[in-house]
PDB file of N, CA and C in Angstrom:
ATOM      1  N   PHE A   1      -7.577-121.190 107.080  1.00  0.00           N
ATOM      2  CA  PHE A   1      -7.438-119.698 107.211  1.00  0.00           C
ATOM      3  C   PHE A   1      -8.828-118.996 106.816  1.00  0.00           C
ATOM      4  N   LEU A   2      -9.487-118.205 107.690  1.00  0.00           N
ATOM      5  CA  LEU A   2     -10.942-117.728 107.228  1.00  0.00           C
ATOM      6  C   LEU A   2     -10.434-116.225 107.533  1.00  0.00           C
ATOM      7  N   VAL A   3     -11.082-115.338 106.451  1.00  0.00           N
ATOM      8  CA  VAL A   3     -11.010-113.951 106.260  1.00  0.00           C
ATOM      9  C   VAL A   3     -12.205-113.334 106.460  1.00  0.00           C
ATOM     10  N   TYR A   4     -12.411-112.457 107.652  1.00  0.00           N
ATOM     11  CA  TYR A   4     -13.935-111.675 107.370  1.00  0.00           C
ATOM     12  C   TYR A   4     -13.695-110.423 106.971  1.00  0.00           C
ATOM     13  N   CYS A   5     -14.776-110.086 106.008  1.00  0.00           N
ATOM     14  CA  CYS A   5     -14.751-108.927 105.341  1.00  0.00           C
ATOM     15  C   CYS A   5     -16.215-108.510 105.293  1.00  0.00           C
ATOM     16  N   VAL A   6     -16.427-107.622 106.319  1.00  0.00           N
ATOM     17  CA  VAL A   6     -17.869-107.353 106.523  1.00  0.00           C
ATOM     18  C   VAL A   6     -18.280-105.638 106.257  1.00  0.00           C
ATOM     19  N   ASP A   7     -18.716-105.072 105.521  1.00  0.00           N
ATOM     20  CA  ASP A   7     -19.038-103.606 105.714  1.00  0.00           C
ATOM     21  C   ASP A   7     -20.619-103.361 105.492  1.00  0.00           C
ATOM     22  N   GLY A   8     -21.219-102.167 105.288  1.00  0.00           N
ATOM     23  CA  GLY A   8     -22.499-101.975 105.601  1.00  0.00           C
ATOM     24  C   GLY A   8     -23.003-102.473 103.999  1.00  0.00           C
ATOM     25  N   VAL A   9     -22.326-102.489 102.953  1.00  0.00           N
ATOM     26  CA  VAL A   9     -22.793-102.888 101.813  1.00  0.00           C
ATOM     27  C   VAL A   9     -23.071-104.535 101.833  1.00  0.00           C
ATOM     28  N   ASP A  10     -22.298-105.310 102.265  1.00  0.00           N
ATOM     29  CA  ASP A  10     -22.467-106.659 102.731  1.00  0.00           C
ATOM     30  C   ASP A  10     -23.582-107.055 103.470  1.00  0.00           C
ATOM     31  N   VAL A  11     -23.506-106.319 104.564  1.00  0.00           N
ATOM     32  CA  VAL A  11     -24.593-106.828 105.581  1.00  0.00           C
ATOM     33  C   VAL A  11     -26.010-106.327 104.791  1.00  0.00           C
ATOM     34  N   PHE A  12     -26.259-105.303 104.144  1.00  0.00           N
ATOM     35  CA  PHE A  12     -27.502-105.072 103.460  1.00  0.00           C
ATOM     36  C   PHE A  12     -27.749-105.875 102.594  1.00  0.00           C
ATOM     37  N   LEU A  13     -26.902-106.397 101.719  1.00  0.00           N
ATOM     38  CA  LEU A  13     -27.213-107.318 100.527  1.00  0.00           C
ATOM     39  C   LEU A  13     -27.561-108.644 101.259  1.00  0.00           C
ATOM     40  N   PHE A  14     -26.693-108.957 102.128  1.00  0.00           N
ATOM     41  CA  PHE A  14     -27.169-110.301 102.719  1.00  0.00           C
ATOM     42  C   PHE A  14     -28.558-110.387 103.253  1.00  0.00           C
ATOM     43  N   GLN A  15     -29.032-109.434 104.128  1.00  0.00           N
ATOM     44  CA  GLN A  15     -30.190-109.078 104.593  1.00  0.00           C
ATOM     45  C   GLN A  15     -31.438-108.976 103.787  1.00  0.00           C
ATOM     46  N   PHE A  16     -30.810-108.469 102.599  1.00  0.00           N
ATOM     47  CA  PHE A  16     -31.864-108.050 101.582  1.00  0.00           C
ATOM     48  C   PHE A  16     -32.413-109.555 100.821  1.00  0.00           C
ATOM     49  N   THR A  17     -31.223-110.387 100.683  1.00  0.00           N
ATOM     50  CA  THR A  17     -31.365-111.500 100.194  1.00  0.00           C
ATOM     51  C   THR A  17     -32.408-112.633 101.017  1.00  0.00           C
ATOM     52  N   MET A  18     -31.879-112.535 102.382  1.00  0.00           N
ATOM     53  CA  MET A  18     -32.886-113.114 103.283  1.00  0.00           C
ATOM     54  C   MET A  18     -34.472-112.731 103.389  1.00  0.00           C
ATOM     55  N   LEU A  19     -34.539-111.347 103.221  1.00  0.00           N
ATOM     56  CA  LEU A  19     -36.119-110.872 102.779  1.00  0.00           C
ATOM     57  C   LEU A  19     -36.657-111.551 101.313  1.00  0.00           C
ATOM     58  N   THR A  20     -35.574-111.506 100.445  1.00  0.00           N
ATOM     59  CA  THR A  20     -36.488-111.932  99.194  1.00  0.00           C
ATOM     60  C   THR A  20     -36.706-113.894  98.944  1.00  0.00           C
ATOM     61  N   LEU A  21     -36.000-114.437 100.149  1.00  0.00           N
ATOM     62  CA  LEU A  21     -35.995-115.994 100.026  1.00  0.00           C
ATOM     63  C   LEU A  21     -37.562-116.279  99.836  1.00  0.00           C
ATOM     64  N   PRO A  22     -38.589-115.609 100.476  1.00  0.00           N
ATOM     65  CA  PRO A  22     -39.794-115.929 100.383  1.00  0.00           C
ATOM     66  C   PRO A  22     -40.519-115.955  98.903  1.00  0.00           C
ATOM     67  N   PHE A  23     -39.872-114.813  98.164  1.00  0.00           N
ATOM     68  CA  PHE A  23     -40.647-114.532  97.159  1.00  0.00           C
ATOM     69  C   PHE A  23     -39.690-115.123  95.990  1.00  0.00           C
ATOM     70  N   ALA A  24     -38.551-115.603  96.161  1.00  0.00           N
ATOM     71  CA  ALA A  24     -37.707-116.767  95.204  1.00  0.00           C
ATOM     72  C   ALA A  24     -38.474-118.236  95.305  1.00  0.00           C
ATOM     73  N   VAL A  25     -38.888-118.649  96.491  1.00  0.00           N
ATOM     74  CA  VAL A  25     -39.777-119.817  96.647  1.00  0.00           C
ATOM     75  C   VAL A  25     -41.111-119.753  95.879  1.00  0.00           C
ATOM     76  N   LEU A  26     -41.667-118.629  96.118  1.00  0.00           N
ATOM     77  CA  LEU A  26     -42.919-118.598  95.458  1.00  0.00           C
ATOM     78  C   LEU A  26     -42.809-118.353  93.838  1.00  0.00           C
ATOM     79  N   GLY A  27     -41.738-117.619  93.555  1.00  0.00           N
ATOM     80  CA  GLY A  27     -41.242-117.766  92.036  1.00  0.00           C
ATOM     81  C   GLY A  27     -40.749-118.853  91.550  1.00  0.00           C
ATOM     82  N   ARG A  28     -40.845-119.708  92.464  1.00  0.00           N
ATOM     83  CA  ARG A  28     -39.933-120.944  92.290  1.00  0.00           C
ATOM     84  C   ARG A  28     -38.540-120.912  91.277  1.00  0.00           C
ATOM     85  N   MET A  29     -37.912-120.035  91.870  1.00  0.00           N
ATOM     86  CA  MET A  29     -36.505-119.805  91.777  1.00  0.00           C
ATOM     87  C   MET A  29     -35.593-120.541  92.474  1.00  0.00           C
ATOM     88  N   ILE A  30     -36.118-120.685  93.532  1.00  0.00           N
ATOM     89  CA  ILE A  30     -35.403-121.801  94.677  1.00  0.00           C
ATOM     90  C   ILE A  30     -36.336-122.772  95.408  1.00  0.00           C
ATOM     91  N   SER A  31     -35.825-123.698  96.112  1.00  0.00           N
ATOM     92  CA  SER A  31     -36.708-124.872  96.363  1.00  0.00           C
ATOM     93  C   SER A  31     -37.419-124.477  97.830  1.00  0.00           C
ATOM     94  N   LEU A  32     -38.343-124.836  98.534  1.00  0.00           N
ATOM     95  CA  LEU A  32     -38.732-124.637  99.945  1.00  0.00           C
ATOM     96  C   LEU A  32     -37.514-125.259 100.629  1.00  0.00           C
ATOM     97  N   PRO A  33     -37.133-126.268 100.810  1.00  0.00           N
ATOM     98  CA  PRO A  33     -35.939-127.083 101.632  1.00  0.00           C
ATOM     99  C   PRO A  33     -34.620-126.221 101.520  1.00  0.00           C
ATOM    100  N   LEU A  34     -34.447-125.856 100.410  1.00  0.00           N
ATOM    101  CA  LEU A  34     -33.088-125.067 100.457  1.00  0.00           C
ATOM    102  C   LEU A  34     -33.260-123.551 101.066  1.00  0.00           C
ATOM    103  N   ALA A  35     -34.558-122.986 100.908  1.00  0.00           N
ATOM    104  CA  ALA A  35     -34.875-121.518 101.444  1.00  0.00           C
ATOM    105  C   ALA A  35     -34.736-121.981 102.949  1.00  0.00           C
ATOM    106  N   CYS A  36     -35.343-122.768 103.540  1.00  0.00           N
ATOM    107  CA  CYS A  36     -35.206-123.343 104.929  1.00  0.00           C
ATOM    108  C   CYS A  36     -34.187-123.572 105.334  1.00  0.00           C
ATOM    109  N   ALA A  37     -33.414-124.110 104.596  1.00  0.00           N
ATOM    110  CA  ALA A  37     -31.881-124.761 104.988  1.00  0.00           C
ATOM    111  C   ALA A  37     -30.984-123.308 105.317  1.00  0.00           C
ATOM    112  N   LEU A  38     -31.245-122.428 104.380  1.00  0.00           N
ATOM    113  CA  LEU A  38     -30.264-121.203 104.462  1.00  0.00           C
ATOM    114  C   LEU A  38     -30.645-120.355 105.402  1.00  0.00           C
ATOM    115  N   LEU A  39     -32.204-120.277 105.834  1.00  0.00           N
ATOM    116  CA  LEU A  39     -32.581-119.632 107.008  1.00  0.00           C
ATOM    117  C   LEU A  39     -32.225-120.315 108.351  1.00  0.00           C
ATOM    118  N   VAL A  40     -32.108-121.525 108.528  1.00  0.00           N
ATOM    119  CA  VAL A  40     -31.808-122.046 109.306  1.00  0.00           C
ATOM    120  C   VAL A  40     -30.327-121.828 109.791  1.00  0.00           C
ATOM    121  N   LEU A  41     -29.232-122.086 108.653  1.00  0.00           N
ATOM    122  CA  LEU A  41     -27.995-121.726 108.736  1.00  0.00           C
ATOM    123  C   LEU A  41     -27.793-120.435 109.113  1.00  0.00           C
ATOM    124  N   LYS A  42     -28.477-119.380 108.776  1.00  0.00           N
ATOM    125  CA  LYS A  42     -28.155-118.094 109.119  1.00  0.00           C
ATOM    126  C   LYS A  42     -28.375-117.931 110.523  1.00  0.00           C
ATOM    127  N   MET A  43     -29.525-118.423 111.049  1.00  0.00           N
ATOM    128  CA  MET A  43     -29.922-118.381 112.445  1.00  0.00           C
ATOM    129  C   MET A  43     -28.874-119.276 113.436  1.00  0.00           C
ATOM    130  N   LEU A  44     -28.244-120.103 112.990  1.00  0.00           N
ATOM    131  CA  LEU A  44     -27.243-120.960 113.521  1.00  0.00           C
ATOM    132  C   LEU A  44     -26.020-120.125 113.911  1.00  0.00           C
ATOM    133  N   LEU A  45     -25.674-119.706 112.720  1.00  0.00           N
ATOM    134  CA  LEU A  45     -24.494-118.740 112.673  1.00  0.00           C
ATOM    135  C   LEU A  45     -24.577-117.400 113.789  1.00  0.00           C
ATOM    136  N   ASP A  46     -25.807-116.846 113.483  1.00  0.00           N
ATOM    137  CA  ASP A  46     -26.150-115.652 114.055  1.00  0.00           C
ATOM    138  C   ASP A  46     -26.102-116.221 115.897  1.00  0.00           C
ATOM    139  N   CYS A  47     -26.578-117.095 115.724  1.00  0.00           N
ATOM    140  CA  CYS A  47     -26.868-117.805 117.524  1.00  0.00           C
ATOM    141  C   CYS A  47     -25.120-117.920 117.935  1.00  0.00           C
ATOM    142  N   ILE A  48     -24.456-118.507 117.309  1.00  0.00           N
ATOM    143  CA  ILE A  48     -23.169-118.911 117.639  1.00  0.00           C
ATOM    144  C   ILE A  48     -22.606-117.614 118.088  1.00  0.00           C
ATOM    145  N   PHE A  49     -22.595-116.739 117.128  1.00  0.00           N
ATOM    146  CA  PHE A  49     -21.640-115.343 117.013  1.00  0.00           C
ATOM    147  C   PHE A  49     -22.337-114.622 118.271  1.00  0.00           C
ATOM    148  N   LEU A  50     -23.732-114.236 118.343  1.00  0.00           N
ATOM    149  CA  LEU A  50     -24.276-113.448 119.104  1.00  0.00           C
ATOM    150  C   LEU A  50     -24.094-114.290 120.838  1.00  0.00           C
ATOM    151  N   LYS A  51     -24.078-115.466 120.991  1.00  0.00           N
ATOM    152  CA  LYS A  51     -23.962-115.908 122.362  1.00  0.00           C
ATOM    153  C   LYS A  51     -22.637-115.674 122.667  1.00  0.00           C
ATOM    154  N   LYS A  52     -21.570-115.678 121.935  1.00  0.00           N
ATOM    155  CA  LYS A  52     -20.229-115.394 122.170  1.00  0.00           C
ATOM    156  C   LYS A  52     -20.238-114.094 122.644  1.00  0.00           C
ATOM    157  N   ILE A  53     -20.472-113.089 122.086  1.00  0.00           N
ATOM    158  CA  ILE A  53     -20.596-111.653 122.292  1.00  0.00           C
ATOM    159  C   ILE A  53     -21.434-111.448 123.553  1.00  0.00           C
ATOM    160  N   ALA A  54     -22.580-112.045 123.770  1.00  0.00           N
ATOM    161  CA  ALA A  54     -23.386-111.927 124.960  1.00  0.00           C
ATOM    162  C   ALA A  54     -22.391-112.194 126.119  1.00  0.00           C
ATOM    163  N   ALA A  55     -21.924-113.448 126.079  1.00  0.00           N
ATOM    164  CA  ALA A  55     -21.240-114.010 127.171  1.00  0.00           C
ATOM    165  C   ALA A  55     -20.032-112.996 127.437  1.00  0.00           C
ATOM    166  N   PHE A  56     -19.256-112.445 126.335  1.00  0.00           N
ATOM    167  CA  PHE A  56     -18.089-111.413 126.604  1.00  0.00           C
ATOM    168  C   PHE A  56     -18.630-110.459 127.342  1.00  0.00           C
ATOM    169  N   LEU A  57     -19.731-109.770 126.699  1.00  0.00           N
ATOM    170  CA  LEU A  57     -20.445-108.443 127.465  1.00  0.00           C
ATOM    171  C   LEU A  57     -21.028-108.988 128.774  1.00  0.00           C
ATOM    172  N   ASN A  58     -21.193-109.977 129.219  1.00  0.00           N
ATOM    173  CA  ASN A  58     -21.761-110.541 130.374  1.00  0.00           C
ATOM    174  C   ASN A  58     -23.320-110.073 130.439  1.00  0.00           C
ATOM    175  N   VAL A  59     -24.023-110.281 129.045  1.00  0.00           N
ATOM    176  CA  VAL A  59     -25.202-109.799 128.850  1.00  0.00           C
ATOM    177  C   VAL A  59     -26.132-111.264 129.068  1.00  0.00           C
ATOM    178  N   SER A  60     -27.400-111.420 129.686  1.00  0.00           N
ATOM    179  CA  SER A  60     -28.077-112.585 129.585  1.00  0.00           C
ATOM    180  C   SER A  60     -28.668-112.874 128.253  1.00  0.00           C
ATOM    181  N   TRP A  61     -28.676-114.149 127.785  1.00  0.00           N
ATOM    182  CA  TRP A  61     -29.177-114.508 126.336  1.00  0.00           C
ATOM    183  C   TRP A  61     -30.687-114.805 126.653  1.00  0.00           C
ATOM    184  N   LYS A  62     -31.483-114.313 125.779  1.00  0.00           N
ATOM    185  CA  LYS A  62     -32.799-114.018 125.826  1.00  0.00           C
ATOM    186  C   LYS A  62     -33.197-114.672 124.325  1.00  0.00           C
ATOM    187  N   TRP A  63     -33.680-116.133 124.331  1.00  0.00           N
ATOM    188  CA  TRP A  63     -34.149-116.807 123.120  1.00  0.00           C
ATOM    189  C   TRP A  63     -35.174-116.146 122.637  1.00  0.00           C
ATOM    190  N   LEU A  64     -36.316-115.522 123.157  1.00  0.00           N
ATOM    191  CA  LEU A  64     -37.474-114.847 122.625  1.00  0.00           C
ATOM    192  C   LEU A  64     -37.131-113.533 121.903  1.00  0.00           C
ATOM    193  N   ALA A  65     -36.115-112.909 122.700  1.00  0.00           N
ATOM    194  CA  ALA A  65     -35.370-111.649 121.777  1.00  0.00           C
ATOM    195  C   ALA A  65     -34.740-112.239 120.591  1.00  0.00           C
ATOM    196  N   PHE A  66     -34.049-113.301 120.518  1.00  0.00           N
ATOM    197  CA  PHE A  66     -33.178-113.552 119.469  1.00  0.00           C
ATOM    198  C   PHE A  66     -34.065-114.104 118.302  1.00  0.00           C
ATOM    199  N   PHE A  67     -35.287-114.864 118.568  1.00  0.00           N
ATOM    200  CA  PHE A  67     -36.132-114.991 117.363  1.00  0.00           C
ATOM    201  C   PHE A  67     -37.071-114.058 116.901  1.00  0.00           C
ATOM    202  N   VAL A  68     -37.427-113.089 117.875  1.00  0.00           N
ATOM    203  CA  VAL A  68     -38.052-111.867 117.245  1.00  0.00           C
ATOM    204  C   VAL A  68     -37.042-110.945 116.328  1.00  0.00           C
ATOM    205  N   LEU A  69     -35.942-110.841 116.748  1.00  0.00           N
ATOM    206  CA  LEU A  69     -34.831-110.024 116.079  1.00  0.00           C
ATOM    207  C   LEU A  69     -34.527-110.687 114.615  1.00  0.00           C
ATOM    208  N   GLN A  70     -34.684-111.751 114.720  1.00  0.00           N
ATOM    209  CA  GLN A  70     -34.403-112.761 113.592  1.00  0.00           C
ATOM    210  C   GLN A  70     -35.519-112.115 112.316  1.00  0.00           C
ATOM    211  N   VAL A  71     -36.650-111.826 113.020  1.00  0.00           N
ATOM    212  CA  VAL A  71     -37.266-111.251 111.515  1.00  0.00           C
ATOM    213  C   VAL A  71     -37.473-109.770 111.489  1.00  0.00           C
ATOM    214  N   ILE A  72     -37.149-108.843 112.731  1.00  0.00           N
ATOM    215  CA  ILE A  72     -37.073-107.566 112.634  1.00  0.00           C
ATOM    216  C   ILE A  72     -35.747-106.806 112.005  1.00  0.00           C
ATOM    217  N   TYR A  73     -34.789-107.565 112.385  1.00  0.00           N
ATOM    218  CA  TYR A  73     -33.391-106.825 111.924  1.00  0.00           C
ATOM    219  C   TYR A  73     -33.291-107.026 110.481  1.00  0.00           C
ATOM    220  N   PRO A  74     -33.677-107.924 109.780  1.00  0.00           N
ATOM    221  CA  PRO A  74     -33.486-107.663 108.277  1.00  0.00           C
ATOM    222  C   PRO A  74     -34.403-106.614 107.639  1.00  0.00           C
ATOM    223  N   VAL A  75     -35.476-106.351 108.162  1.00  0.00           N
ATOM    224  CA  VAL A  75     -36.418-105.342 107.398  1.00  0.00           C
ATOM    225  C   VAL A  75     -35.906-104.262 108.040  1.00  0.00           C
ATOM    226  N   TYR A  76     -35.183-104.023 109.138  1.00  0.00           N
ATOM    227  CA  TYR A  76     -34.704-102.629 109.885  1.00  0.00           C
ATOM    228  C   TYR A  76     -33.364-102.410 108.933  1.00  0.00           C
ATOM    229  N   VAL A  77     -32.507-103.368 108.553  1.00  0.00           N
ATOM    230  CA  VAL A  77     -31.356-103.075 107.746  1.00  0.00           C
ATOM    231  C   VAL A  77     -31.636-102.463 106.339  1.00  0.00           C
ATOM    232  N   VAL A  78     -32.568-103.319 105.714  1.00  0.00           N
ATOM    233  CA  VAL A  78     -32.881-103.122 104.358  1.00  0.00           C
ATOM    234  C   VAL A  78     -33.534-101.503 104.428  1.00  0.00           C
ATOM    235  N   LEU A  79     -34.806-101.405 105.173  1.00  0.00           N
ATOM    236  CA  LEU A  79     -35.418 -99.872 105.273  1.00  0.00           C
ATOM    237  C   LEU A  79     -34.095 -98.853 105.601  1.00  0.00           C
ATOM    238  N   ILE A  80     -33.377 -99.212 106.489  1.00  0.00           N
ATOM    239  CA  ILE A  80     -32.248 -98.061 106.958  1.00  0.00           C
ATOM    240  C   ILE A  80     -31.505 -97.617 105.784  1.00  0.00           C
ATOM    241  N   GLY A  81     -31.239 -99.043 105.134  1.00  0.00           N
ATOM    242  CA  GLY A  81     -30.227 -98.907 104.049  1.00  0.00           C
ATOM    243  C   GLY A  81     -30.537 -98.061 102.855  1.00  0.00           C
ATOM    244  N   ILE A  82     -31.917 -98.207 102.698  1.00  0.00           N
ATOM    245  CA  ILE A  82     -32.614 -97.521 101.408  1.00  0.00           C
ATOM    246  C   ILE A  82     -32.519 -95.839 101.793  1.00  0.00           C
ATOM    247  N   ALA A  83     -33.346 -95.703 102.957  1.00  0.00           N
ATOM    248  CA  ALA A  83     -33.646 -94.309 103.412  1.00  0.00           C
ATOM    249  C   ALA A  83     -32.226 -93.578 103.753  1.00  0.00           C
ATOM    250  N   SER A  84     -31.336 -94.307 104.446  1.00  0.00           N
ATOM    251  CA  SER A  84     -30.221 -93.331 105.014  1.00  0.00           C
ATOM    252  C   SER A  84     -29.473 -92.323 103.803  1.00  0.00           C
ATOM    253  N   PRO A  85     -29.480 -92.703 102.891  1.00  0.00           N
ATOM    254  CA  PRO A  85     -28.739 -91.651 101.726  1.00  0.00           C
ATOM    255  C   PRO A  85     -29.477 -90.298 101.554  1.00  0.00           C
ATOM    256  N   TYR A  86     -30.777 -90.463 102.077  1.00  0.00           N
ATOM    257  CA  TYR A  86     -31.815 -89.257 101.789  1.00  0.00           C
ATOM    258  C   TYR A  86     -32.061 -88.603 103.060  1.00  0.00           C
ATOM    259  N   ILE A  87     -31.812 -89.112 104.285  1.00  0.00           N
ATOM    260  CA  ILE A  87     -32.484 -88.433 105.301  1.00  0.00           C
ATOM    261  C   ILE A  87     -30.882 -87.783 106.226  1.00  0.00           C
ATOM    262  N   PRO A  88     -31.272 -86.631 106.400  1.00  0.00           N
ATOM    263  CA  PRO A  88     -30.075 -85.775 107.198  1.00  0.00           C
ATOM    264  C   PRO A  88     -29.977 -86.402 108.627  1.00  0.00           C
ATOM    265  N   PHE A  89     -28.771 -86.070 109.256  1.00  0.00           N
ATOM    266  CA  PHE A  89     -28.453 -86.773 110.421  1.00  0.00           C
ATOM    267  C   PHE A  89     -27.428 -85.665 111.059  1.00  0.00           C
ATOM    268  N   GLU A  90     -27.597 -86.042 112.410  1.00  0.00           N
ATOM    269  CA  GLU A  90     -26.650 -85.038 113.324  1.00  0.00           C
ATOM    270  C   GLU A  90     -25.601 -85.602 113.941  1.00  0.00           C
ATOM    271  N   TRP A  91     -24.305 -85.262 113.571  1.00  0.00           N
ATOM    272  CA  TRP A  91     -23.065 -85.806 114.347  1.00  0.00           C
ATOM    273  C   TRP A  91     -22.109 -84.810 114.905  1.00  0.00           C
ATOM    274  N   LYS A  92     -21.724 -84.937 115.957  1.00  0.00           N
ATOM    275  CA  LYS A  92     -20.995 -84.010 116.754  1.00  0.00           C
ATOM    276  C   LYS A  92     -21.616 -82.520 116.753  1.00  0.00           C
ATOM    277  N   GLY A  93     -22.910 -82.388 116.593  1.00  0.00           N
ATOM    278  CA  GLY A  93     -23.588 -81.313 116.815  1.00  0.00           C
ATOM    279  C   GLY A  93     -23.693 -80.404 115.668  1.00  0.00           C
ATOM    280  N   ARG A  94     -23.384 -81.195 114.580  1.00  0.00           N
ATOM    281  CA  ARG A  94     -23.657 -80.719 113.056  1.00  0.00           C
ATOM    282  C   ARG A  94     -24.520 -81.490 112.458  1.00  0.00           C
ATOM    283  N   THR A  95     -25.474 -80.846 111.672  1.00  0.00           N
ATOM    284  CA  THR A  95     -26.518 -81.564 110.886  1.00  0.00           C
ATOM    285  C   THR A  95     -25.914 -81.424 109.498  1.00  0.00           C
ATOM    286  N   LEU A  96     -25.827 -82.982 109.047  1.00  0.00           N
ATOM    287  CA  LEU A  96     -25.383 -83.247 107.575  1.00  0.00           C
ATOM    288  C   LEU A  96     -26.371 -83.759 106.989  1.00  0.00           C
ATOM    289  N   LYS A  97     -26.092 -83.360 105.501  1.00  0.00           N
ATOM    290  CA  LYS A  97     -27.133 -84.204 104.274  1.00  0.00           C
ATOM    291  C   LYS A  97     -26.345 -85.281 103.807  1.00  0.00           C
ATOM    292  N   SER A  98     -27.021 -86.697 103.774  1.00  0.00           N
ATOM    293  CA  SER A  98     -26.488 -87.667 103.171  1.00  0.00           C
ATOM    294  C   SER A  98     -26.166 -87.483 101.926  1.00  0.00           C
ATOM    295  N   VAL A  99     -26.814 -87.242 101.087  1.00  0.00           N
ATOM    296  CA  VAL A  99     -26.726 -87.005  99.840  1.00  0.00           C
ATOM    297  C   VAL A  99     -26.497 -85.621  99.274  1.00  0.00           C
ATOM    298  N   THR A 100     -25.323 -85.315  98.811  1.00  0.00           N
ATOM    299  CA  THR A 100     -24.911 -83.786  98.420  1.00  0.00           C
ATOM    300  C   THR A 100     -24.546 -83.815  96.994  1.00  0.00           C
ATOM    301  N   VAL A 101     -25.425 -82.958  96.522  1.00  0.00           N
ATOM    302  CA  VAL A 101     -25.219 -82.615  94.967  1.00  0.00           C
ATOM    303  C   VAL A 101     -24.489 -81.567  94.726  1.00  0.00           C
ATOM    304  N   SER A 102     -23.367 -81.347  94.180  1.00  0.00           N
ATOM    305  CA  SER A 102     -22.667 -80.193  93.850  1.00  0.00           C
ATOM    306  C   SER A 102     -22.955 -79.732  92.534  1.00  0.00           C
ATOM    307  N   THR A 103     -22.892 -78.430  92.270  1.00  0.00           N
ATOM    308  CA  THR A 103     -22.955 -77.802  91.051  1.00  0.00           C
ATOM    309  C   THR A 103     -21.945 -76.871  90.856  1.00  0.00           C
ATOM    310  N   ILE A 104     -21.392 -77.027  89.699  1.00  0.00           N
ATOM    311  CA  ILE A 104     -20.309 -75.939  89.240  1.00  0.00           C
ATOM    312  C   ILE A 104     -20.827 -74.979  88.738  1.00  0.00           C
ATOM    313  N   LYS A 105     -20.377 -73.772  89.308  1.00  0.00           N
ATOM    314  CA  LYS A 105     -21.221 -72.475  88.817  1.00  0.00           C
ATOM    315  C   LYS A 105     -19.882 -71.735  87.797  1.00  0.00           C
ATOM    316  N   LYS A 106     -20.315 -71.410  86.562  1.00  0.00           N
ATOM    317  CA  LYS A 106     -19.500 -70.846  85.653  1.00  0.00           C
ATOM    318  C   LYS A 106     -19.387 -69.392  85.941  1.00  0.00           C
TER     319      LYS A 106
END
């Protein structure tokens, strides 16, 4: 029995971990073979999942795009995850602020 529980924080933390692997290897906190095995495992699981999604949506599979996005996606997720609480956004025609500080007036 396998339960999937993925939310934004999980995705952010996982992608952040993938970005920190090279630094962990350089700092000798993790071995190079283990870091490579983790990256290959991540890519294998992404490939299985995304190929099924592509087949379901009837979208052609492009290996080059897959490998390029394996590099870009973690950077994108981490940057957006850090910046998004501070950038206002528009939703349903309304501009909203991500971080709201309320003050109590006496």
